[in-house]
N, C-alpha and C. Protein backbone atom coordinates (compact mmCIF):
# COMPACT_ATOMS: atom_id res chain seq x y z
N MET A 1 40.03 124.40 67.85
CA MET A 1 41.06 125.45 67.72
C MET A 1 40.84 126.55 68.81
N ASP A 2 41.89 127.14 69.13
CA ASP A 2 41.86 128.11 70.34
C ASP A 2 41.42 129.49 70.00
N GLN A 3 41.09 130.31 70.87
CA GLN A 3 40.69 131.73 70.54
C GLN A 3 41.96 132.50 70.88
N SER A 4 43.06 132.42 70.07
CA SER A 4 44.28 133.16 70.15
C SER A 4 43.96 134.68 69.89
N PRO A 5 44.98 135.57 70.26
CA PRO A 5 44.73 136.99 69.90
C PRO A 5 44.41 137.20 68.44
N GLU A 6 45.14 136.39 67.40
CA GLU A 6 44.98 136.50 66.10
C GLU A 6 43.51 135.92 65.58
N THR A 7 43.14 134.84 66.19
CA THR A 7 42.04 134.17 65.63
C THR A 7 40.67 134.46 66.31
N ALA A 8 40.65 135.05 67.48
CA ALA A 8 39.45 135.35 68.13
C ALA A 8 38.74 136.50 67.59
N LYS A 9 37.86 136.16 66.60
CA LYS A 9 37.09 137.26 65.81
C LYS A 9 35.81 137.36 66.38
N THR A 10 35.19 138.57 66.23
CA THR A 10 33.76 138.75 66.68
C THR A 10 32.84 137.95 65.82
N ARG A 11 32.00 137.17 66.35
CA ARG A 11 31.01 136.52 65.52
C ARG A 11 29.82 137.29 65.11
N ARG A 12 29.29 137.07 63.87
CA ARG A 12 28.12 137.74 63.43
C ARG A 12 27.24 136.70 62.82
N GLN A 13 25.94 136.78 63.01
CA GLN A 13 25.04 135.82 62.38
C GLN A 13 24.70 136.16 61.01
N THR A 14 24.61 135.21 60.20
CA THR A 14 24.06 135.39 58.79
C THR A 14 22.86 134.52 58.62
N VAL A 15 22.14 134.73 57.45
CA VAL A 15 20.90 133.98 57.26
C VAL A 15 21.12 133.25 55.84
N ASP A 16 20.87 132.02 55.86
CA ASP A 16 21.05 131.33 54.61
C ASP A 16 19.64 131.67 53.86
N PRO A 17 19.84 132.30 52.62
CA PRO A 17 18.65 132.76 51.92
C PRO A 17 17.78 131.66 51.38
N SER A 18 18.45 130.52 51.12
CA SER A 18 17.58 129.38 50.64
C SER A 18 16.81 128.59 51.54
N ILE A 19 17.09 128.92 52.85
CA ILE A 19 16.34 128.24 53.95
C ILE A 19 15.61 129.26 54.88
N GLY A 20 16.18 130.35 54.96
CA GLY A 20 15.55 131.31 55.91
C GLY A 20 15.79 131.26 57.34
N LEU A 21 16.86 130.57 57.75
CA LEU A 21 17.17 130.46 59.12
C LEU A 21 18.55 130.97 59.51
N PRO A 22 18.66 131.55 60.73
CA PRO A 22 20.11 131.99 61.12
C PRO A 22 21.07 130.88 60.85
N GLU A 23 22.20 131.10 60.30
CA GLU A 23 23.19 130.06 59.94
C GLU A 23 24.40 130.00 60.79
N LEU A 24 25.26 130.84 60.71
CA LEU A 24 26.59 130.64 61.35
C LEU A 24 27.32 131.91 61.63
N PRO A 25 28.29 131.77 62.62
CA PRO A 25 29.22 132.94 62.81
C PRO A 25 30.36 132.99 61.91
N LEU A 26 30.41 133.85 60.96
CA LEU A 26 31.46 134.00 60.04
C LEU A 26 32.68 134.62 60.68
N LEU A 27 33.90 134.15 60.20
CA LEU A 27 35.11 134.99 60.54
C LEU A 27 35.00 136.33 60.09
N GLU A 28 35.28 137.31 60.93
CA GLU A 28 35.24 138.69 60.59
C GLU A 28 36.54 139.06 59.79
N PRO A 29 36.36 140.01 58.82
CA PRO A 29 37.63 140.54 58.14
C PRO A 29 38.53 141.08 59.25
N THR A 30 39.90 140.98 58.96
CA THR A 30 40.83 141.55 59.89
C THR A 30 40.67 143.05 60.01
N ARG A 31 40.67 143.55 61.31
CA ARG A 31 40.47 144.95 61.55
C ARG A 31 41.62 145.83 60.95
N GLN A 32 41.44 147.16 60.80
CA GLN A 32 42.38 148.09 60.28
C GLN A 32 43.62 148.18 61.27
N GLN A 33 44.74 148.05 60.60
CA GLN A 33 45.87 148.03 61.59
C GLN A 33 46.88 149.06 61.15
N ARG A 34 47.85 149.41 62.12
CA ARG A 34 48.92 150.31 61.69
C ARG A 34 49.89 149.68 60.52
N ALA A 35 50.44 150.61 59.79
CA ALA A 35 51.26 150.16 58.72
C ALA A 35 52.35 149.20 59.08
N ASP A 36 52.95 149.44 60.25
CA ASP A 36 54.06 148.67 60.77
C ASP A 36 53.57 147.38 61.27
N ALA A 37 52.47 147.30 61.82
CA ALA A 37 51.74 146.08 62.31
C ALA A 37 51.47 145.20 61.00
N VAL A 38 50.97 145.84 60.00
CA VAL A 38 50.60 145.09 58.83
C VAL A 38 51.89 144.48 58.22
N ARG A 39 52.98 145.17 58.20
CA ARG A 39 54.30 144.72 57.53
C ARG A 39 54.80 143.50 58.34
N ASN A 40 54.71 143.69 59.73
CA ASN A 40 55.17 142.58 60.60
C ASN A 40 54.31 141.35 60.49
N ARG A 41 52.98 141.49 60.30
CA ARG A 41 52.20 140.28 60.19
C ARG A 41 52.32 139.71 58.80
N THR A 42 52.64 140.48 57.79
CA THR A 42 52.89 139.86 56.49
C THR A 42 54.23 139.14 56.49
N ALA A 43 55.24 139.83 57.06
CA ALA A 43 56.49 139.12 57.11
C ALA A 43 56.47 137.72 57.87
N ILE A 44 55.73 137.89 59.06
CA ILE A 44 55.66 136.56 59.90
C ILE A 44 54.88 135.50 59.11
N LEU A 45 53.69 135.93 58.47
CA LEU A 45 52.99 134.75 57.78
C LEU A 45 53.80 134.29 56.64
N CYS A 46 54.46 135.09 55.88
CA CYS A 46 55.22 134.67 54.75
C CYS A 46 56.42 133.77 55.15
N ALA A 47 57.00 134.12 56.24
CA ALA A 47 58.03 133.36 56.76
C ALA A 47 57.59 131.90 57.24
N ALA A 48 56.46 132.03 57.84
CA ALA A 48 55.92 130.75 58.44
C ALA A 48 55.43 129.83 57.26
N GLU A 49 54.82 130.48 56.32
CA GLU A 49 54.25 129.58 55.13
C GLU A 49 55.50 128.97 54.46
N ARG A 50 56.58 129.77 54.25
CA ARG A 50 57.82 129.19 53.61
C ARG A 50 58.36 128.03 54.39
N LEU A 51 58.49 128.31 55.72
CA LEU A 51 59.17 127.19 56.57
C LEU A 51 58.26 125.92 56.58
N VAL A 52 56.91 126.15 56.63
CA VAL A 52 55.93 125.06 56.70
C VAL A 52 56.08 124.20 55.32
N SER A 53 56.21 124.90 54.22
CA SER A 53 56.21 124.24 52.95
C SER A 53 57.60 123.55 52.79
N GLN A 54 58.60 123.90 53.46
CA GLN A 54 59.88 123.36 53.21
C GLN A 54 60.14 122.16 54.18
N ARG A 55 59.52 122.29 55.44
CA ARG A 55 59.84 121.27 56.44
C ARG A 55 58.65 120.54 57.03
N GLY A 56 57.45 121.14 56.82
CA GLY A 56 56.19 120.57 57.32
C GLY A 56 55.90 121.33 58.65
N ALA A 57 54.61 121.46 58.79
CA ALA A 57 54.00 122.17 59.91
C ALA A 57 54.46 121.75 61.22
N GLY A 58 54.70 120.39 61.49
CA GLY A 58 54.93 119.90 62.72
C GLY A 58 56.45 120.16 63.17
N CYS A 59 57.23 120.64 62.20
CA CYS A 59 58.73 120.85 62.58
C CYS A 59 59.11 122.41 62.65
N VAL A 60 58.14 123.14 62.61
CA VAL A 60 58.46 124.60 62.58
C VAL A 60 58.28 125.20 63.99
N THR A 61 59.21 125.84 64.47
CA THR A 61 59.22 126.60 65.88
C THR A 61 58.90 128.03 65.76
N MET A 62 58.44 128.62 66.87
CA MET A 62 58.22 130.00 66.91
C MET A 62 59.68 130.80 66.76
N ASP A 63 60.65 130.24 67.38
CA ASP A 63 62.00 130.92 67.23
C ASP A 63 62.43 130.95 65.77
N GLU A 64 62.20 129.93 65.03
CA GLU A 64 62.56 129.99 63.63
C GLU A 64 61.80 130.84 62.86
N VAL A 65 60.58 131.08 63.16
CA VAL A 65 59.67 131.90 62.41
C VAL A 65 60.04 133.41 62.68
N ALA A 66 60.32 133.65 63.87
CA ALA A 66 60.72 135.07 64.30
C ALA A 66 62.04 135.43 63.65
N CYS A 67 62.93 134.48 63.68
CA CYS A 67 64.28 134.70 62.97
C CYS A 67 64.10 134.90 61.50
N ALA A 68 63.26 134.14 60.92
CA ALA A 68 63.06 134.19 59.37
C ALA A 68 62.45 135.49 58.98
N ALA A 69 61.44 135.89 59.95
CA ALA A 69 60.67 137.19 59.59
C ALA A 69 61.35 138.37 59.90
N GLY A 70 62.50 138.28 60.76
CA GLY A 70 63.23 139.51 61.17
C GLY A 70 62.51 140.29 62.27
N VAL A 71 61.66 139.64 63.15
CA VAL A 71 60.95 140.29 64.23
C VAL A 71 61.38 139.63 65.51
N GLY A 72 61.13 140.26 66.51
CA GLY A 72 61.35 139.77 67.92
C GLY A 72 60.39 138.72 68.26
N LYS A 73 60.86 137.70 69.03
CA LYS A 73 59.91 136.64 69.51
C LYS A 73 58.77 137.20 70.33
N GLY A 74 58.97 138.23 71.06
CA GLY A 74 57.89 138.79 71.77
C GLY A 74 56.85 139.37 70.90
N THR A 75 57.17 140.03 69.78
CA THR A 75 56.22 140.47 68.72
C THR A 75 55.41 139.30 68.18
N LEU A 76 56.11 138.13 67.98
CA LEU A 76 55.34 136.98 67.46
C LEU A 76 54.34 136.54 68.46
N PHE A 77 54.85 136.32 69.62
CA PHE A 77 53.83 135.84 70.70
C PHE A 77 52.75 136.82 70.94
N ARG A 78 53.01 138.07 70.99
CA ARG A 78 51.91 139.12 71.28
C ARG A 78 50.82 139.04 70.07
N ARG A 79 51.30 138.83 68.86
CA ARG A 79 50.48 138.91 67.75
C ARG A 79 49.58 137.57 67.69
N PHE A 80 50.20 136.47 67.84
CA PHE A 80 49.64 135.15 67.60
C PHE A 80 49.29 134.29 68.81
N GLY A 81 49.84 134.72 69.95
CA GLY A 81 49.53 133.99 71.21
C GLY A 81 50.49 132.76 71.39
N ASP A 82 50.47 131.85 70.42
CA ASP A 82 51.41 130.73 70.53
C ASP A 82 51.55 130.09 69.13
N ARG A 83 52.20 128.95 69.09
CA ARG A 83 52.53 128.29 67.78
C ARG A 83 51.21 127.80 67.14
N ILE A 84 50.23 127.40 67.85
CA ILE A 84 49.08 126.84 67.34
C ILE A 84 48.28 128.03 66.60
N GLY A 85 48.29 129.16 67.42
CA GLY A 85 47.66 130.44 66.99
C GLY A 85 48.23 130.92 65.63
N LEU A 86 49.57 130.70 65.45
CA LEU A 86 50.21 131.13 64.18
C LEU A 86 49.76 130.23 63.08
N LEU A 87 49.74 128.92 63.34
CA LEU A 87 49.33 127.98 62.24
C LEU A 87 47.86 128.18 61.85
N ARG A 88 47.14 128.61 62.79
CA ARG A 88 45.59 128.88 62.46
C ARG A 88 45.50 129.98 61.67
N ALA A 89 46.41 131.04 61.89
CA ALA A 89 46.45 132.30 61.13
C ALA A 89 46.65 131.95 59.60
N LEU A 90 47.61 131.09 59.39
CA LEU A 90 48.03 130.70 58.11
C LEU A 90 46.74 130.24 57.30
N LEU A 91 45.82 129.50 58.05
CA LEU A 91 44.59 128.91 57.41
C LEU A 91 43.45 129.80 57.36
N ASP A 92 43.54 131.06 57.99
CA ASP A 92 42.36 131.93 57.95
C ASP A 92 41.80 132.38 56.66
N GLU A 93 42.89 132.74 55.69
CA GLU A 93 42.31 133.27 54.38
C GLU A 93 41.52 132.19 53.60
N ARG A 94 42.01 131.01 53.61
CA ARG A 94 41.25 129.90 52.95
C ARG A 94 39.98 129.62 53.53
N GLU A 95 40.00 129.62 54.86
CA GLU A 95 38.76 129.40 55.67
C GLU A 95 37.72 130.39 55.41
N ARG A 96 38.16 131.59 55.44
CA ARG A 96 37.20 132.78 55.17
C ARG A 96 36.59 132.57 53.80
N ALA A 97 37.32 132.28 52.84
CA ALA A 97 36.78 132.10 51.49
C ALA A 97 35.86 130.90 51.32
N PHE A 98 36.24 129.83 52.12
CA PHE A 98 35.28 128.74 52.05
C PHE A 98 33.94 129.09 52.79
N GLN A 99 33.97 129.74 54.00
CA GLN A 99 32.68 130.11 54.57
C GLN A 99 31.95 131.08 53.63
N GLU A 100 32.56 132.00 53.01
CA GLU A 100 31.92 132.89 52.05
C GLU A 100 31.14 132.05 50.96
N ASP A 101 31.86 131.08 50.45
CA ASP A 101 31.31 130.25 49.43
C ASP A 101 30.13 129.40 49.83
N PHE A 102 30.14 128.80 51.16
CA PHE A 102 28.97 127.93 51.47
C PHE A 102 27.79 128.83 52.09
N ILE A 103 28.05 130.18 52.25
CA ILE A 103 27.06 131.05 52.70
C ILE A 103 26.29 131.75 51.59
N ARG A 104 27.27 132.47 50.69
CA ARG A 104 26.67 133.14 49.68
C ARG A 104 27.16 132.83 48.28
N GLY A 105 27.97 131.75 48.20
CA GLY A 105 28.52 131.45 46.84
C GLY A 105 27.61 130.77 45.95
N ALA A 106 28.20 130.32 44.81
CA ALA A 106 27.39 129.64 43.83
C ALA A 106 27.10 128.25 44.29
N PRO A 107 25.90 127.64 43.92
CA PRO A 107 25.61 126.32 44.12
C PRO A 107 26.53 125.32 43.52
N PRO A 108 26.64 124.09 44.00
CA PRO A 108 26.03 123.45 44.98
C PRO A 108 26.50 123.71 46.37
N VAL A 109 27.63 124.25 46.51
CA VAL A 109 28.16 124.61 47.88
C VAL A 109 27.31 125.71 48.44
N GLY A 110 26.94 126.71 47.68
CA GLY A 110 26.19 127.86 48.16
C GLY A 110 24.64 127.60 47.92
N PRO A 111 23.79 128.55 48.37
CA PRO A 111 22.42 128.44 48.26
C PRO A 111 21.93 128.30 46.75
N GLY A 112 20.77 127.60 46.70
CA GLY A 112 20.10 127.52 45.34
C GLY A 112 19.86 126.12 44.90
N VAL A 113 20.11 125.15 45.80
CA VAL A 113 19.84 123.67 45.56
C VAL A 113 19.41 123.11 46.84
N PRO A 114 18.79 121.95 46.71
CA PRO A 114 18.21 121.33 48.06
C PRO A 114 19.19 121.04 49.08
N PRO A 115 18.94 121.04 50.40
CA PRO A 115 19.93 120.84 51.35
C PRO A 115 20.82 119.77 51.29
N ARG A 116 20.20 118.57 50.76
CA ARG A 116 21.04 117.29 50.76
C ARG A 116 22.16 117.55 49.71
N GLU A 117 21.94 118.35 48.62
CA GLU A 117 23.01 118.54 47.60
C GLU A 117 24.10 119.45 48.23
N ARG A 118 23.61 120.39 49.01
CA ARG A 118 24.58 121.29 49.62
C ARG A 118 25.43 120.64 50.75
N LEU A 119 24.89 119.63 51.37
CA LEU A 119 25.62 118.78 52.31
C LEU A 119 26.65 118.03 51.68
N VAL A 120 26.26 117.41 50.46
CA VAL A 120 27.28 116.66 49.71
C VAL A 120 28.40 117.57 49.25
N ALA A 121 28.15 118.77 48.74
CA ALA A 121 29.02 119.52 48.23
C ALA A 121 29.96 120.17 49.38
N PHE A 122 29.43 120.39 50.47
CA PHE A 122 30.28 120.93 51.65
C PHE A 122 31.27 119.78 52.01
N GLY A 123 30.82 118.47 52.15
CA GLY A 123 31.84 117.51 52.51
C GLY A 123 32.87 117.25 51.49
N HIS A 124 32.46 117.29 50.17
CA HIS A 124 33.42 117.20 49.12
C HIS A 124 34.52 118.40 49.15
N ARG A 125 33.98 119.49 49.38
CA ARG A 125 34.92 120.68 49.37
C ARG A 125 35.81 120.57 50.61
N LEU A 126 35.34 120.09 51.70
CA LEU A 126 36.31 120.07 52.98
C LEU A 126 37.14 118.98 52.58
N LEU A 127 36.91 117.92 51.99
CA LEU A 127 37.89 116.84 51.69
C LEU A 127 38.99 117.27 50.71
N ASP A 128 38.56 118.18 49.84
CA ASP A 128 39.44 118.79 48.90
C ASP A 128 40.45 119.69 49.64
N GLU A 129 39.88 120.54 50.61
CA GLU A 129 40.89 121.31 51.36
C GLU A 129 41.80 120.51 52.18
N ILE A 130 41.46 119.44 52.73
CA ILE A 130 42.25 118.56 53.56
C ILE A 130 43.34 117.95 52.63
N GLU A 131 42.99 117.61 51.42
CA GLU A 131 43.94 117.17 50.46
C GLU A 131 45.05 118.08 50.23
N ILE A 132 44.66 119.37 50.10
CA ILE A 132 45.66 120.58 49.76
C ILE A 132 46.50 120.83 51.08
N GLN A 133 45.94 120.98 52.21
CA GLN A 133 46.64 121.38 53.39
C GLN A 133 46.39 120.60 54.69
N GLY A 134 46.30 119.41 54.51
CA GLY A 134 45.86 118.46 55.63
C GLY A 134 47.02 118.50 56.76
N ASP A 135 48.21 118.55 56.40
CA ASP A 135 49.34 118.50 57.46
C ASP A 135 49.07 119.76 58.26
N LEU A 136 48.89 121.00 57.73
CA LEU A 136 48.78 122.24 58.38
C LEU A 136 47.49 122.17 59.24
N LEU A 137 46.48 121.57 58.73
CA LEU A 137 45.27 121.51 59.56
C LEU A 137 45.40 120.71 60.76
N VAL A 138 46.06 119.56 60.64
CA VAL A 138 46.30 118.56 61.72
C VAL A 138 47.23 119.33 62.77
N ALA A 139 48.33 120.09 62.28
CA ALA A 139 49.09 120.78 63.20
C ALA A 139 48.39 121.88 63.90
N ALA A 140 47.48 122.58 63.28
CA ALA A 140 46.68 123.63 63.85
C ALA A 140 45.71 123.12 64.79
N GLU A 141 45.35 121.80 64.76
CA GLU A 141 44.36 121.30 65.59
C GLU A 141 44.96 120.49 66.74
N SER A 142 46.31 120.63 66.91
CA SER A 142 46.99 119.70 67.87
C SER A 142 47.07 120.37 69.24
N GLY A 143 46.19 121.27 69.64
CA GLY A 143 46.28 121.85 71.00
C GLY A 143 45.66 120.93 72.01
N ALA A 144 45.15 121.48 73.06
CA ALA A 144 44.56 120.62 74.03
C ALA A 144 43.45 119.78 73.63
N PRO A 145 43.20 118.59 74.16
CA PRO A 145 42.10 117.77 73.72
C PRO A 145 40.79 118.44 73.60
N GLY A 146 40.06 118.38 72.40
CA GLY A 146 38.80 119.05 72.30
C GLY A 146 38.87 120.54 71.99
N GLU A 147 40.02 121.21 72.01
CA GLU A 147 40.28 122.56 71.88
C GLU A 147 39.65 123.07 70.55
N ARG A 148 39.96 122.33 69.45
CA ARG A 148 39.38 122.76 68.13
C ARG A 148 37.93 122.93 68.15
N LEU A 149 37.30 122.00 68.92
CA LEU A 149 35.77 122.01 68.89
C LEU A 149 35.22 123.38 69.50
N LEU A 150 36.03 124.09 70.15
CA LEU A 150 35.53 125.30 70.87
C LEU A 150 35.92 126.54 69.90
N HIS A 151 36.45 126.41 68.79
CA HIS A 151 37.06 127.43 67.95
C HIS A 151 35.80 127.79 67.02
N SER A 152 35.83 129.10 66.58
CA SER A 152 34.78 129.67 65.71
C SER A 152 34.75 128.95 64.31
N VAL A 153 35.87 128.27 63.86
CA VAL A 153 35.86 127.55 62.52
C VAL A 153 34.84 126.35 62.81
N TYR A 154 35.17 125.66 63.86
CA TYR A 154 34.35 124.41 63.93
C TYR A 154 32.86 124.78 64.24
N ALA A 155 32.58 125.92 65.00
CA ALA A 155 31.27 126.42 65.26
C ALA A 155 30.53 126.75 63.94
N ALA A 156 31.34 127.31 63.14
CA ALA A 156 30.77 127.77 61.76
C ALA A 156 30.32 126.51 60.92
N HIS A 157 31.17 125.52 60.91
CA HIS A 157 30.93 124.22 60.14
C HIS A 157 29.78 123.62 60.71
N ARG A 158 29.78 123.54 62.05
CA ARG A 158 28.73 122.80 62.82
C ARG A 158 27.37 123.42 62.52
N ALA A 159 27.32 124.73 62.73
CA ALA A 159 26.02 125.50 62.58
C ALA A 159 25.57 125.38 61.06
N HIS A 160 26.45 125.39 60.09
CA HIS A 160 26.08 125.14 58.67
C HIS A 160 25.45 123.76 58.40
N VAL A 161 26.08 122.75 58.93
CA VAL A 161 25.71 121.49 58.74
C VAL A 161 24.32 121.17 59.39
N ALA A 162 24.28 121.75 60.62
CA ALA A 162 23.00 121.56 61.53
C ALA A 162 21.82 122.13 60.82
N VAL A 163 22.12 123.38 60.30
CA VAL A 163 20.91 124.14 59.57
C VAL A 163 20.43 123.41 58.33
N LEU A 164 21.39 122.77 57.57
CA LEU A 164 21.02 122.05 56.41
C LEU A 164 20.33 120.71 56.78
N LEU A 165 20.81 120.07 57.83
CA LEU A 165 20.10 118.83 58.40
C LEU A 165 18.80 119.15 58.79
N ARG A 166 18.50 120.19 59.54
CA ARG A 166 17.16 120.63 59.93
C ARG A 166 16.21 120.83 58.74
N ALA A 167 16.73 121.44 57.74
CA ALA A 167 15.85 121.59 56.52
C ALA A 167 15.62 120.31 55.67
N ALA A 168 16.61 119.31 55.86
CA ALA A 168 16.42 118.10 55.12
C ALA A 168 15.61 117.07 55.88
N VAL A 169 15.94 117.02 57.27
CA VAL A 169 15.23 116.06 58.07
C VAL A 169 14.61 116.85 59.17
N PRO A 170 13.33 117.23 59.21
CA PRO A 170 12.67 117.98 60.16
C PRO A 170 12.61 117.39 61.56
N VAL A 171 12.83 115.99 61.76
CA VAL A 171 12.83 115.54 63.05
C VAL A 171 14.18 114.79 63.28
N GLY A 172 14.58 114.55 64.55
CA GLY A 172 15.77 113.91 64.93
C GLY A 172 16.65 114.92 65.56
N ASP A 173 17.72 114.35 66.21
CA ASP A 173 18.71 115.25 66.87
C ASP A 173 19.77 115.60 65.94
N THR A 174 19.50 116.83 65.22
CA THR A 174 20.38 117.25 64.23
C THR A 174 21.70 117.84 64.79
N ASP A 175 21.63 118.34 65.97
CA ASP A 175 22.95 118.92 66.68
C ASP A 175 23.92 117.66 66.86
N TYR A 176 23.40 116.54 67.36
CA TYR A 176 24.29 115.41 67.50
C TYR A 176 24.63 114.88 66.14
N ILE A 177 23.86 114.80 65.20
CA ILE A 177 24.19 114.14 63.88
C ILE A 177 25.18 115.05 63.16
N ALA A 178 25.06 116.43 63.47
CA ALA A 178 26.11 117.35 62.86
C ALA A 178 27.54 117.02 63.34
N ASP A 179 27.65 116.92 64.65
CA ASP A 179 28.97 116.43 65.30
C ASP A 179 29.46 115.18 64.75
N ALA A 180 28.59 114.21 64.59
CA ALA A 180 28.92 112.76 64.05
C ALA A 180 29.39 113.02 62.68
N LEU A 181 28.82 113.82 61.81
CA LEU A 181 29.14 113.87 60.44
C LEU A 181 30.50 114.60 60.37
N LEU A 182 30.77 115.63 61.08
CA LEU A 182 32.02 116.40 61.04
C LEU A 182 33.13 115.60 61.53
N GLY A 183 32.84 114.58 62.45
CA GLY A 183 33.88 113.72 62.91
C GLY A 183 34.54 112.93 61.75
N ALA A 184 33.69 112.62 60.75
CA ALA A 184 34.19 111.91 59.51
C ALA A 184 35.03 112.75 58.71
N LEU A 185 34.91 114.04 58.82
CA LEU A 185 35.68 115.06 57.97
C LEU A 185 36.79 115.68 58.86
N ALA A 186 37.12 115.24 59.97
CA ALA A 186 38.29 115.69 60.68
C ALA A 186 39.60 115.46 59.94
N ALA A 187 40.54 116.38 59.90
CA ALA A 187 41.72 116.24 59.09
C ALA A 187 42.52 115.04 59.47
N GLU A 188 42.60 114.75 60.83
CA GLU A 188 43.40 113.64 61.21
C GLU A 188 42.82 112.33 60.78
N VAL A 189 41.52 112.14 60.79
CA VAL A 189 40.84 110.98 60.34
C VAL A 189 41.07 110.78 58.84
N VAL A 190 40.85 111.93 58.02
CA VAL A 190 41.00 111.75 56.62
C VAL A 190 42.43 111.43 56.18
N LEU A 191 43.42 112.05 56.88
CA LEU A 191 44.82 111.75 56.50
C LEU A 191 45.21 110.29 56.82
N TYR A 192 44.50 109.85 58.03
CA TYR A 192 44.87 108.28 58.36
C TYR A 192 44.20 107.41 57.16
N GLN A 193 43.11 107.83 56.77
CA GLN A 193 42.45 107.02 55.71
C GLN A 193 43.16 107.11 54.38
N ARG A 194 43.70 108.35 54.05
CA ARG A 194 44.37 108.44 52.85
C ARG A 194 45.83 107.88 52.83
N ARG A 195 46.61 108.14 53.95
CA ARG A 195 48.01 107.72 53.89
C ARG A 195 48.26 106.30 54.59
N VAL A 196 47.47 105.96 55.56
CA VAL A 196 47.74 104.67 56.25
C VAL A 196 46.96 103.57 55.54
N LEU A 197 45.69 103.78 55.30
CA LEU A 197 44.83 102.89 54.72
C LEU A 197 44.83 102.79 53.20
N GLY A 198 45.39 103.90 52.67
CA GLY A 198 45.54 103.95 51.18
C GLY A 198 44.26 104.21 50.50
N MET A 199 43.25 104.72 51.09
CA MET A 199 41.89 105.01 50.46
C MET A 199 42.12 106.17 49.42
N PRO A 200 41.64 106.04 48.17
CA PRO A 200 41.65 107.14 47.15
C PRO A 200 40.63 108.34 47.64
N LEU A 201 40.86 109.40 47.24
CA LEU A 201 40.07 110.58 47.55
C LEU A 201 38.56 110.29 47.14
N GLU A 202 38.50 109.86 46.01
CA GLU A 202 37.08 109.50 45.41
C GLU A 202 36.25 108.56 46.30
N ARG A 203 37.09 107.60 46.99
CA ARG A 203 36.29 106.65 47.85
C ARG A 203 35.74 107.39 48.95
N LEU A 204 36.49 108.32 49.64
CA LEU A 204 36.10 109.06 50.70
C LEU A 204 34.96 109.99 50.40
N LYS A 205 34.94 110.46 49.14
CA LYS A 205 33.79 111.40 48.75
C LYS A 205 32.56 110.47 48.55
N ASP A 206 32.76 109.29 47.97
CA ASP A 206 31.60 108.36 47.86
C ASP A 206 31.12 107.93 49.24
N GLY A 207 31.87 107.63 50.22
CA GLY A 207 31.56 107.40 51.49
C GLY A 207 30.76 108.47 52.28
N TRP A 208 31.24 109.67 51.87
CA TRP A 208 30.47 110.83 52.51
C TRP A 208 28.99 110.94 51.98
N VAL A 209 28.86 110.68 50.68
CA VAL A 209 27.42 110.66 50.13
C VAL A 209 26.70 109.49 50.70
N ALA A 210 27.29 108.34 50.80
CA ALA A 210 26.61 107.23 51.50
C ALA A 210 26.09 107.44 52.88
N LEU A 211 27.10 108.13 53.68
CA LEU A 211 26.80 108.40 55.07
C LEU A 211 25.55 109.42 55.15
N LEU A 212 25.57 110.49 54.30
CA LEU A 212 24.44 111.33 54.24
C LEU A 212 23.21 110.63 53.85
N ASP A 213 23.26 109.80 52.80
CA ASP A 213 22.03 109.21 52.43
C ASP A 213 21.46 108.23 53.44
N GLY A 214 22.30 107.65 54.18
CA GLY A 214 21.81 106.92 55.30
C GLY A 214 21.06 107.69 56.27
N LEU A 215 21.29 108.97 56.46
CA LEU A 215 20.67 109.76 57.36
C LEU A 215 19.62 110.62 56.88
N VAL A 216 19.68 111.14 55.63
CA VAL A 216 18.66 112.05 55.10
C VAL A 216 17.98 111.47 53.87
N GLY A 217 18.35 110.37 53.33
CA GLY A 217 17.85 109.81 52.16
C GLY A 217 18.36 110.34 50.78
N GLU A 218 18.26 109.74 49.89
CA GLU A 218 18.59 110.20 48.55
C GLU A 218 17.52 111.32 48.00
N ALA A 219 18.08 112.34 47.30
CA ALA A 219 17.12 113.41 46.69
C ALA A 219 16.23 112.71 45.72
């Protein structure tokens, strides 16, 4: 994902209390804005969400969103940078809640259980998110090749998985393994398995557990 004007947030390190190691850069809360800017942003996101739900993320243009929101196209581009930035802004609220859950939320996604259990829960939760908004995720990841890997969302997921891997498996190239594991949870891959191969969601969740156990062993 790219660092558009809307999504380029300042990163801050958190500490996983169950492990005691620096964990990841959370998305920062949106800064205080002028009332008219807030109204425009709300109108734009509501219009974009409505159009995406009606026609699919891949069929919505910036011109259509600006018209539906009643704002100038220049306002739209200044706020979100481009179409990909706008789609990613639609995902921000759910992603921020997800990050809050796996950093400070209830177990097993949050702290309080062994690292392997948290890795299992993380993968299952991400698969559920893709089930809900997979088309939007794929559209938001459709920028330049490798672009999504440079975005703060991927950095947060990668750091979280790597920290848990280091706690579960003290030796090995956990940075490489974290990337390999996240590759199995890419929205495009999951939608291919679900829609083209016809794999049920539970099969993907079982496969995630088997993949983890092959790397870190069963608890």
